[in-house]
Amino acid sequence: MLPPLIRLSVRYLKLPRGFALLIAYLVVFIGTIGFAYFMTKSVVASIVELDPVGLVDNLRVSLLERVDANGQLVAFGVTVDMNSVLDSLQTSVGQGDGSAGIVIDAERVSSTSGPASAAFVQSSGS
């Protein structure tokens, strides 16, 4: 990409080879910075549009729809007892500041969802 640009600069613009090389590197550098700027701007705009509270609420609704009356969830063909997770969710309601409506203790959920996470890891690994 650079050699043809340098050759054209030396031949038609009558620039010294070192100066043409410097200009070519500057053009590539400025192009890279401009590309990174526009990509960063786009990624930041996409992240701003995310609604974490809405995502958590959608996840909660989806989980409740998939758990049957016995408190069991079928994930990747494996039946997982979700009663302990559901119990921990019920006991944690109302312990927050009221902005999210529910507080989930991550350690309690991860300790009670061990079979669910193990089923996911086994299924996704094969």
Protein backbone atom coordinates (compact mmCIF):
# COMPACT_ATOMS: atom_id res chain seq x y z
CA MET A 1 0.00 0.00 0.00
CA LEU A 2 2.75 2.45 0.87
CA PRO A 3 5.31 1.79 -1.92
CA PRO A 4 2.98 2.85 -4.78
CA LEU A 5 2.03 6.01 -2.87
CA ILE A 6 5.69 6.82 -2.26
CA ARG A 7 6.62 6.11 -5.92
CA LEU A 8 3.82 8.40 -7.17
CA SER A 9 4.88 11.15 -4.76
CA VAL A 10 8.51 10.95 -5.87
CA ARG A 11 7.78 10.65 -9.61
CA TYR A 12 4.90 13.09 -10.14
CA LEU A 13 5.14 15.49 -7.20
CA LYS A 14 8.96 15.54 -7.33
CA LEU A 15 9.26 15.09 -3.56
CA PRO A 16 12.40 13.68 -1.94
CA ARG A 17 11.99 10.00 -1.11
CA GLY A 18 12.36 10.52 2.67
CA PHE A 19 9.75 13.28 2.70
CA ALA A 20 7.34 11.13 0.62
CA LEU A 21 7.85 8.27 3.09
CA LEU A 22 7.10 10.60 6.02
CA ILE A 23 3.92 11.86 4.34
CA ALA A 24 2.79 8.29 3.57
CA TYR A 25 3.28 7.23 7.19
CA LEU A 26 1.40 10.31 8.41
CA VAL A 27 -1.53 9.56 6.08
CA VAL A 28 -1.72 5.98 7.38
CA PHE A 29 -1.40 7.14 11.00
CA ILE A 30 -4.10 9.82 10.65
CA GLY A 31 -6.37 7.34 8.84
CA THR A 32 -5.95 4.83 11.67
CA ILE A 33 -6.69 7.46 14.31
CA GLY A 34 -9.78 8.60 12.37
CA PHE A 35 -11.04 5.03 12.01
CA ALA A 36 -10.52 4.39 15.74
CA TYR A 37 -12.35 7.63 16.60
CA PHE A 38 -15.42 6.75 14.57
CA MET A 39 -15.46 3.15 15.80
CA THR A 40 -15.14 4.28 19.42
CA LYS A 41 -17.91 6.80 18.94
CA SER A 42 -20.18 4.09 17.51
CA VAL A 43 -19.40 1.58 20.27
CA VAL A 44 -19.97 4.16 23.02
CA ALA A 45 -23.30 5.14 21.46
CA SER A 46 -24.34 1.47 21.40
CA ILE A 47 -23.38 0.97 25.04
CA VAL A 48 -25.30 4.08 26.10
CA GLU A 49 -28.43 2.62 24.48
CA LEU A 50 -28.26 -0.49 26.67
CA ASP A 51 -30.71 -0.51 29.55
CA PRO A 52 -29.22 -2.70 32.31
CA VAL A 53 -32.34 -2.55 34.49
CA GLY A 54 -34.50 -3.54 31.54
CA LEU A 55 -32.11 -6.35 30.61
CA VAL A 56 -32.22 -7.75 34.15
CA ASP A 57 -36.01 -7.49 34.19
CA ASN A 58 -36.25 -9.29 30.83
CA LEU A 59 -33.92 -12.01 32.14
CA ARG A 60 -36.03 -12.41 35.29
CA VAL A 61 -39.25 -12.68 33.26
CA SER A 62 -37.64 -15.16 30.87
CA LEU A 63 -36.37 -17.30 33.76
CA LEU A 64 -39.77 -17.31 35.44
CA GLU A 65 -41.43 -18.33 32.16
CA ARG A 66 -39.05 -21.26 31.71
CA VAL A 67 -39.28 -22.62 35.27
CA ASP A 68 -42.18 -25.05 35.62
CA ALA A 69 -44.57 -25.38 38.59
CA ASN A 70 -42.17 -27.77 40.36
CA GLY A 71 -39.34 -25.23 40.20
CA GLN A 72 -37.39 -27.15 37.59
CA LEU A 73 -35.67 -25.75 34.53
CA VAL A 74 -34.63 -27.81 31.51
CA ALA A 75 -31.37 -26.36 30.16
CA PHE A 76 -29.65 -28.09 27.23
CA GLY A 77 -31.52 -31.29 27.95
CA VAL A 78 -30.55 -31.32 31.64
CA THR A 79 -33.23 -30.80 34.31
CA VAL A 80 -32.04 -28.38 37.00
CA ASP A 81 -33.81 -27.85 40.32
CA MET A 82 -34.22 -24.08 40.63
CA ASN A 83 -36.08 -24.04 43.98
CA SER A 84 -33.04 -22.81 45.94
CA VAL A 85 -32.45 -19.99 43.43
CA LEU A 86 -36.10 -19.00 43.49
CA ASP A 87 -36.09 -19.09 47.32
CA SER A 88 -33.02 -16.85 47.43
CA LEU A 89 -34.70 -14.43 45.03
CA GLN A 90 -37.80 -14.36 47.24
CA THR A 91 -35.81 -13.67 50.43
CA SER A 92 -33.76 -10.90 48.79
CA VAL A 93 -36.77 -8.86 47.61
CA GLY A 94 -37.08 -5.55 49.41
CA GLN A 95 -33.53 -5.34 50.77
CA GLY A 96 -32.36 -2.66 48.31
CA ASP A 97 -32.93 1.06 48.00
CA GLY A 98 -36.06 0.51 45.93
CA SER A 99 -34.65 1.69 42.62
CA ALA A 100 -34.28 -1.76 41.04
CA GLY A 101 -37.08 -3.46 42.96
CA ILE A 102 -35.01 -6.56 43.69
CA VAL A 103 -31.58 -7.27 45.12
CA ILE A 104 -29.75 -10.43 44.17
CA ASP A 105 -26.83 -11.62 46.27
CA ALA A 106 -24.37 -12.86 43.63
CA GLU A 107 -22.56 -15.25 45.96
CA ARG A 108 -25.82 -16.88 47.08
CA VAL A 109 -27.07 -17.26 43.52
CA SER A 110 -23.76 -18.67 42.26
CA SER A 111 -23.60 -21.17 45.12
CA THR A 112 -27.18 -22.31 44.57
CA SER A 113 -26.98 -22.40 40.78
CA GLY A 114 -23.99 -24.74 40.71
CA PRO A 115 -25.87 -27.52 38.86
CA ALA A 116 -27.20 -25.02 36.31
CA SER A 117 -23.78 -23.57 35.55
CA ALA A 118 -22.23 -27.06 35.43
CA ALA A 119 -24.89 -28.15 32.93
CA PHE A 120 -24.17 -25.11 30.78
CA VAL A 121 -20.41 -25.69 30.81
CA GLN A 122 -20.81 -29.39 29.96
CA SER A 123 -23.24 -28.71 27.10
CA SER A 124 -21.30 -25.80 25.60
CA GLY A 125 -18.01 -27.69 25.74
CA SER A 126 -19.25 -30.52 23.53
